[in-house]
Amino acid sequence: RRPLFPAALDRDPVMFARPQPRRSSSSSVLVLVPALALALVMFIAARGENLASTMRARAVMPSVSRCANFGINRNMRTFASTSSNDFKNGMNLEIDGTPFKVTEFLHVKPGKGSAFVRTKLKNLLTGNSVEKTFRAGESVDLADVYKQDVQYTYKDADDWVFMNMETFDEIRVGAAEMGDSWKWMKESETVGVVTYNGKVIDVDLPKTVSLKVTEAGQGVKGNTATGATKPVTLETGAEIQVPLFIKEGEWIKLDSRTGEYLSRDNEGSD
């Protein structure tokens, strides 16, 4: 009988062993590529979510200037600052915890020494003006001052009541904050209410206002001197001095900052 296996098997069994399948390098690559692709997709998604969160945060935390321009009410403090090289008239600064408005500024470059900025500032709490000098390029905090347009509705005891016509929020202003602004303000007129850290500190009227003369006294008889004036009462109850030719029932223009007569208002009406 023939042997079941050839004699050569005894000599070299490896030659007749069952061949083992070889793992192709291409199959390893096919397994690795999807894993890398999945990891890349997850990384990009995470980065995109972080970017979206950042953009949303920036959207709900606008800058100070945007809040001032677009009437966004903010209860949280911002710690924005500016350089003295960028000062402008009307800019609000916070110095030693007090808000000031820049009314005048001048950049000075002396022949010797460092450049500086000389300013005149108005204290928004007291109304007093001070002069202060800053180094050129000095960083200064911006005051969290917010102005919104409101309508004067009525007077309630010692308070003047205003309403935001967009949100219908009611704002009450006391005599200390109102100052002399009530003298030049009529009901239903739109004015600006200024707040600092959420507290009303001022009422901002247009520089020129038009009011009706309700009572006009007689000028001193024989007084024809140039610039002679007489007292009149306005529709708000305020009294000012006007030229002798102004009569009861006429409309006049005046400076709301000083209360001084400017001219007749021929376009004024009831």
Protein backbone atom coordinates (compact mmCIF):
# COMPACT_ATOMS: atom_id res chain seq x y z
CA ARG A 1 0.00 0.00 0.00
CA ARG A 2 1.09 3.45 -0.69
CA PRO A 3 1.65 5.63 2.37
CA LEU A 4 -1.03 8.18 3.07
CA PHE A 5 1.51 10.99 2.88
CA PRO A 6 4.50 11.15 0.68
CA ALA A 7 7.86 10.42 2.20
CA ALA A 8 8.88 14.03 1.55
CA LEU A 9 6.52 15.07 4.31
CA ASP A 10 8.70 13.40 6.82
CA ARG A 11 11.68 15.21 5.52
CA ASP A 12 10.18 18.73 5.32
CA PRO A 13 6.75 19.03 6.94
CA VAL A 14 6.80 22.83 6.59
CA MET A 15 6.51 22.53 2.86
CA PHE A 16 3.23 20.68 3.19
CA ALA A 17 1.74 22.69 6.06
CA ARG A 18 -1.54 24.51 5.40
CA PRO A 19 -0.73 28.02 4.22
CA GLN A 20 -1.87 30.83 6.58
CA PRO A 21 -3.63 33.84 5.03
CA ARG A 22 -1.48 36.95 4.96
CA ARG A 23 -2.99 40.25 6.20
CA SER A 24 -2.76 42.78 3.47
CA SER A 25 -1.40 46.26 4.30
CA SER A 26 -4.25 47.76 2.28
CA SER A 27 -6.83 46.22 4.61
CA SER A 28 -5.14 47.87 7.62
CA VAL A 29 -5.36 51.22 5.88
CA LEU A 30 -9.05 50.68 5.18
CA VAL A 31 -9.68 50.16 8.88
CA LEU A 32 -7.57 53.15 10.00
CA VAL A 33 -8.98 55.76 7.57
CA PRO A 34 -12.60 55.74 8.90
CA ALA A 35 -11.32 56.04 12.46
CA LEU A 36 -9.20 59.07 11.58
CA ALA A 37 -12.06 60.61 9.64
CA LEU A 38 -14.41 60.20 12.59
CA ALA A 39 -11.88 61.78 14.96
CA LEU A 40 -11.42 64.72 12.58
CA VAL A 41 -15.16 65.29 12.31
CA MET A 42 -15.52 65.28 16.11
CA PHE A 43 -12.63 67.76 16.46
CA ILE A 44 -14.12 70.14 13.89
CA ALA A 45 -17.54 69.93 15.54
CA ALA A 46 -16.05 70.77 18.94
CA ARG A 47 -14.15 73.73 17.50
CA GLY A 48 -17.29 74.94 15.77
CA GLU A 49 -19.30 74.79 18.97
CA ASN A 50 -16.64 76.79 20.84
CA LEU A 51 -16.64 79.40 18.07
CA ALA A 52 -20.44 79.59 18.10
CA SER A 53 -20.42 80.05 21.88
CA THR A 54 -17.89 82.85 21.58
CA MET A 55 -19.95 84.61 18.92
CA ARG A 56 -23.12 84.29 21.00
CA ALA A 57 -21.31 85.73 24.02
CA ARG A 58 -20.10 88.68 21.96
CA ALA A 59 -23.60 89.20 20.60
CA VAL A 60 -25.16 89.55 24.05
CA MET A 61 -22.32 91.68 25.47
CA PRO A 62 -22.09 94.67 23.11
CA SER A 63 -19.51 97.38 23.51
CA VAL A 64 -20.11 100.55 25.46
CA SER A 65 -20.47 102.65 22.33
CA ARG A 66 -23.06 100.26 20.83
CA CYS A 67 -25.06 100.32 24.04
CA ALA A 68 -25.05 104.11 24.00
CA ASN A 69 -26.07 104.31 20.37
CA PHE A 70 -28.73 101.61 20.30
CA GLY A 71 -30.28 101.97 23.75
CA ILE A 72 -29.31 98.59 25.22
CA ASN A 73 -29.96 98.49 28.94
CA ARG A 74 -27.07 96.97 30.89
CA ASN A 75 -26.97 96.28 34.59
CA MET A 76 -23.51 94.77 34.58
CA ARG A 77 -20.39 96.94 34.66
CA THR A 78 -18.02 97.03 31.77
CA PHE A 79 -14.34 97.66 32.21
CA ALA A 80 -13.63 99.19 28.81
CA SER A 81 -10.89 101.77 28.55
CA THR A 82 -9.52 104.20 26.01
CA SER A 83 -6.30 106.02 25.32
CA SER A 84 -5.84 109.71 26.02
CA ASN A 85 -4.77 110.00 22.37
CA ASP A 86 -8.34 109.07 21.37
CA PHE A 87 -10.20 111.62 23.53
CA LYS A 88 -13.23 113.29 21.93
CA ASN A 89 -15.66 115.92 23.15
CA GLY A 90 -18.62 114.21 24.80
CA MET A 91 -16.68 111.08 25.75
CA ASN A 92 -17.49 109.76 29.25
CA LEU A 93 -14.57 108.81 31.50
CA GLU A 94 -14.42 107.29 34.97
CA ILE A 95 -11.75 108.78 37.19
CA ASP A 96 -11.39 107.67 40.82
CA GLY A 97 -14.88 106.16 40.72
CA THR A 98 -16.54 109.35 39.41
CA PRO A 99 -17.98 109.86 35.91
CA PHE A 100 -16.74 112.83 33.89
CA LYS A 101 -17.56 114.11 30.42
CA VAL A 102 -14.84 115.54 28.18
CA THR A 103 -15.85 119.08 27.20
CA GLU A 104 -12.49 120.31 25.89
CA PHE A 105 -9.15 118.70 25.09
CA LEU A 106 -5.84 119.74 23.60
CA HIS A 107 -2.85 117.62 22.55
CA VAL A 108 0.40 119.32 23.56
CA LYS A 109 3.87 118.40 22.25
CA PRO A 110 6.44 120.50 24.09
CA GLY A 111 9.92 121.07 22.70
CA LYS A 112 11.34 119.20 25.66
CA GLY A 113 9.75 116.43 27.64
CA SER A 114 6.91 114.05 26.87
CA ALA A 115 3.69 114.92 25.07
CA PHE A 116 0.51 115.25 27.12
CA VAL A 117 -3.21 115.94 26.76
CA ARG A 118 -4.79 118.88 28.59
CA THR A 119 -8.53 118.45 29.22
CA LYS A 120 -11.53 120.17 30.74
CA LEU A 121 -13.92 117.69 32.32
CA LYS A 122 -17.47 118.02 33.63
CA ASN A 123 -18.36 116.04 36.74
CA LEU A 124 -21.60 114.28 35.78
CA LEU A 125 -22.66 113.97 39.43
CA THR A 126 -22.13 117.55 40.59
CA GLY A 127 -22.02 119.49 37.32
CA ASN A 128 -18.72 121.13 38.30
CA SER A 129 -15.90 121.43 35.78
CA VAL A 130 -12.26 120.59 36.45
CA GLU A 131 -9.06 120.69 34.42
CA LYS A 132 -6.87 117.61 34.27
CA THR A 133 -3.74 116.63 32.36
CA PHE A 134 -3.04 113.13 31.03
CA ARG A 135 0.12 111.61 29.63
CA ALA A 136 -0.02 110.95 25.89
CA GLY A 137 -1.21 107.39 25.38
CA GLU A 138 -2.34 107.01 28.99
CA SER A 139 -5.10 104.42 29.49
CA VAL A 140 -8.30 105.78 31.06
CA ASP A 141 -11.44 103.85 32.03
CA LEU A 142 -14.67 104.62 30.21
CA ALA A 143 -17.62 105.43 32.48
CA ASP A 144 -20.65 103.13 32.34
CA VAL A 145 -22.94 105.97 31.33
CA TYR A 146 -26.09 105.09 29.43
CA LYS A 147 -28.53 107.48 27.76
CA GLN A 148 -32.02 106.53 26.60
CA ASP A 149 -34.71 108.59 24.89
CA VAL A 150 -37.91 108.82 26.94
CA GLN A 151 -41.11 110.86 26.91
CA TYR A 152 -42.03 113.19 29.75
CA THR A 153 -45.54 112.18 30.85
CA TYR A 154 -46.45 114.00 34.09
CA LYS A 155 -45.24 115.30 37.45
CA ASP A 156 -46.07 113.32 40.57
CA ALA A 157 -45.37 115.24 43.81
CA ASP A 158 -41.58 115.73 43.83
CA ASP A 159 -40.92 113.33 40.95
CA TRP A 160 -41.00 113.80 37.21
CA VAL A 161 -42.27 110.70 35.47
CA PHE A 162 -40.95 109.54 32.09
CA MET A 163 -41.77 106.57 29.90
CA ASN A 164 -39.65 104.57 27.48
CA MET A 165 -41.92 104.40 24.44
CA GLU A 166 -40.32 101.16 23.20
CA THR A 167 -40.43 99.11 26.41
CA PHE A 168 -43.10 101.21 28.23
CA ASP A 169 -40.93 101.17 31.35
CA GLU A 170 -41.62 104.05 33.74
CA ILE A 171 -38.71 106.12 35.04
CA ARG A 172 -38.97 108.53 37.96
CA VAL A 173 -36.53 111.38 38.39
CA GLY A 174 -36.18 113.34 41.62
CA ALA A 175 -35.51 117.04 42.06
CA ALA A 176 -31.79 116.58 42.75
CA GLU A 177 -31.24 114.76 39.46
CA MET A 178 -33.64 116.99 37.51
CA GLY A 179 -31.93 120.25 38.42
CA ASP A 180 -33.25 123.17 36.34
CA SER A 181 -34.17 121.01 33.35
CA TRP A 182 -37.86 121.09 34.31
CA LYS A 183 -37.98 124.79 33.42
CA TRP A 184 -37.55 124.03 29.73
CA MET A 185 -39.49 120.77 29.45
CA LYS A 186 -43.09 120.26 28.30
CA GLU A 187 -45.32 117.23 28.69
CA SER A 188 -45.11 114.66 25.85
CA GLU A 189 -41.70 116.00 24.89
CA THR A 190 -38.91 113.52 24.17
CA VAL A 191 -35.76 114.00 26.24
CA GLY A 192 -32.75 111.92 27.21
CA VAL A 193 -32.36 110.33 30.65
CA VAL A 194 -28.75 109.61 31.61
CA THR A 195 -27.87 106.82 34.04
CA TYR A 196 -24.57 105.85 35.66
CA ASN A 197 -24.29 102.31 36.98
CA GLY A 198 -28.08 102.04 36.73
CA LYS A 199 -28.86 105.28 38.63
CA VAL A 200 -30.36 108.39 36.99
CA ILE A 201 -27.88 111.26 37.19
CA ASP A 202 -29.10 113.76 34.59
CA VAL A 203 -31.85 114.74 32.16
CA ASP A 204 -30.52 115.78 28.77
CA LEU A 205 -32.60 118.27 26.78
CA PRO A 206 -32.07 119.55 23.23
CA LYS A 207 -29.68 122.49 23.26
CA THR A 208 -32.38 124.74 21.80
CA VAL A 209 -35.99 124.57 22.95
CA SER A 210 -39.09 126.48 21.89
CA LEU A 211 -41.58 127.69 24.51
CA LYS A 212 -44.62 129.96 24.62
CA VAL A 213 -44.70 133.18 26.62
CA THR A 214 -47.78 133.07 28.86
CA GLU A 215 -47.16 136.32 30.77
CA ALA A 216 -45.18 139.32 29.65
CA GLY A 217 -44.54 142.24 31.94
CA GLN A 218 -44.19 145.81 30.74
CA GLY A 219 -40.75 147.18 30.15
CA VAL A 220 -39.51 150.07 32.18
CA LYS A 221 -41.06 153.21 30.68
CA GLY A 222 -38.56 155.26 28.77
CA ASN A 223 -36.00 152.46 28.69
CA THR A 224 -34.94 152.35 25.05
CA ALA A 225 -31.32 151.37 25.61
CA THR A 226 -29.96 148.66 23.38
CA GLY A 227 -30.11 145.30 25.11
CA ALA A 228 -32.83 146.31 27.58
CA THR A 229 -34.88 143.36 28.85
CA LYS A 230 -37.99 142.54 30.82
CA PRO A 231 -39.19 139.44 32.72
CA VAL A 232 -41.65 136.99 31.18
CA THR A 233 -43.24 133.75 32.33
CA LEU A 234 -43.13 130.70 30.09
CA GLU A 235 -45.69 127.92 29.72
CA THR A 236 -43.60 125.70 32.01
CA GLY A 237 -43.77 128.28 34.82
CA ALA A 238 -40.16 129.37 34.43
CA GLU A 239 -39.26 133.06 34.34
CA ILE A 240 -36.55 134.52 32.12
CA GLN A 241 -35.40 137.86 30.76
CA VAL A 242 -36.27 138.72 27.15
CA PRO A 243 -36.03 141.82 24.92
CA LEU A 244 -38.68 144.48 25.39
CA PHE A 245 -40.44 143.70 22.09
CA ILE A 246 -41.50 140.16 23.12
CA LYS A 247 -45.24 139.98 23.79
CA GLU A 248 -47.54 137.56 25.55
CA GLY A 249 -48.55 134.62 23.33
CA GLU A 250 -45.37 134.66 21.27
CA TRP A 251 -43.03 131.67 20.98
CA ILE A 252 -39.35 132.08 21.69
CA LYS A 253 -36.21 129.98 21.34
CA LEU A 254 -33.82 129.68 24.28
CA ASP A 255 -30.69 127.83 25.28
CA SER A 256 -31.64 124.97 27.62
CA ARG A 257 -28.14 124.91 29.11
CA THR A 258 -28.21 128.52 30.31
CA GLY A 259 -31.87 129.55 30.02
CA GLU A 260 -30.90 132.53 27.88
CA TYR A 261 -33.19 133.97 25.23
CA LEU A 262 -32.03 133.33 21.66
CA SER A 263 -34.70 134.59 19.26
CA ARG A 264 -38.35 134.60 18.31
CA ASP A 265 -39.72 131.32 17.00
CA ASN A 266 -42.02 132.17 14.12
CA GLU A 267 -42.73 128.48 13.56
CA GLY A 268 -43.91 127.87 17.12
CA SER A 269 -47.48 126.68 17.60
CA ASP A 270 -49.87 125.52 20.28
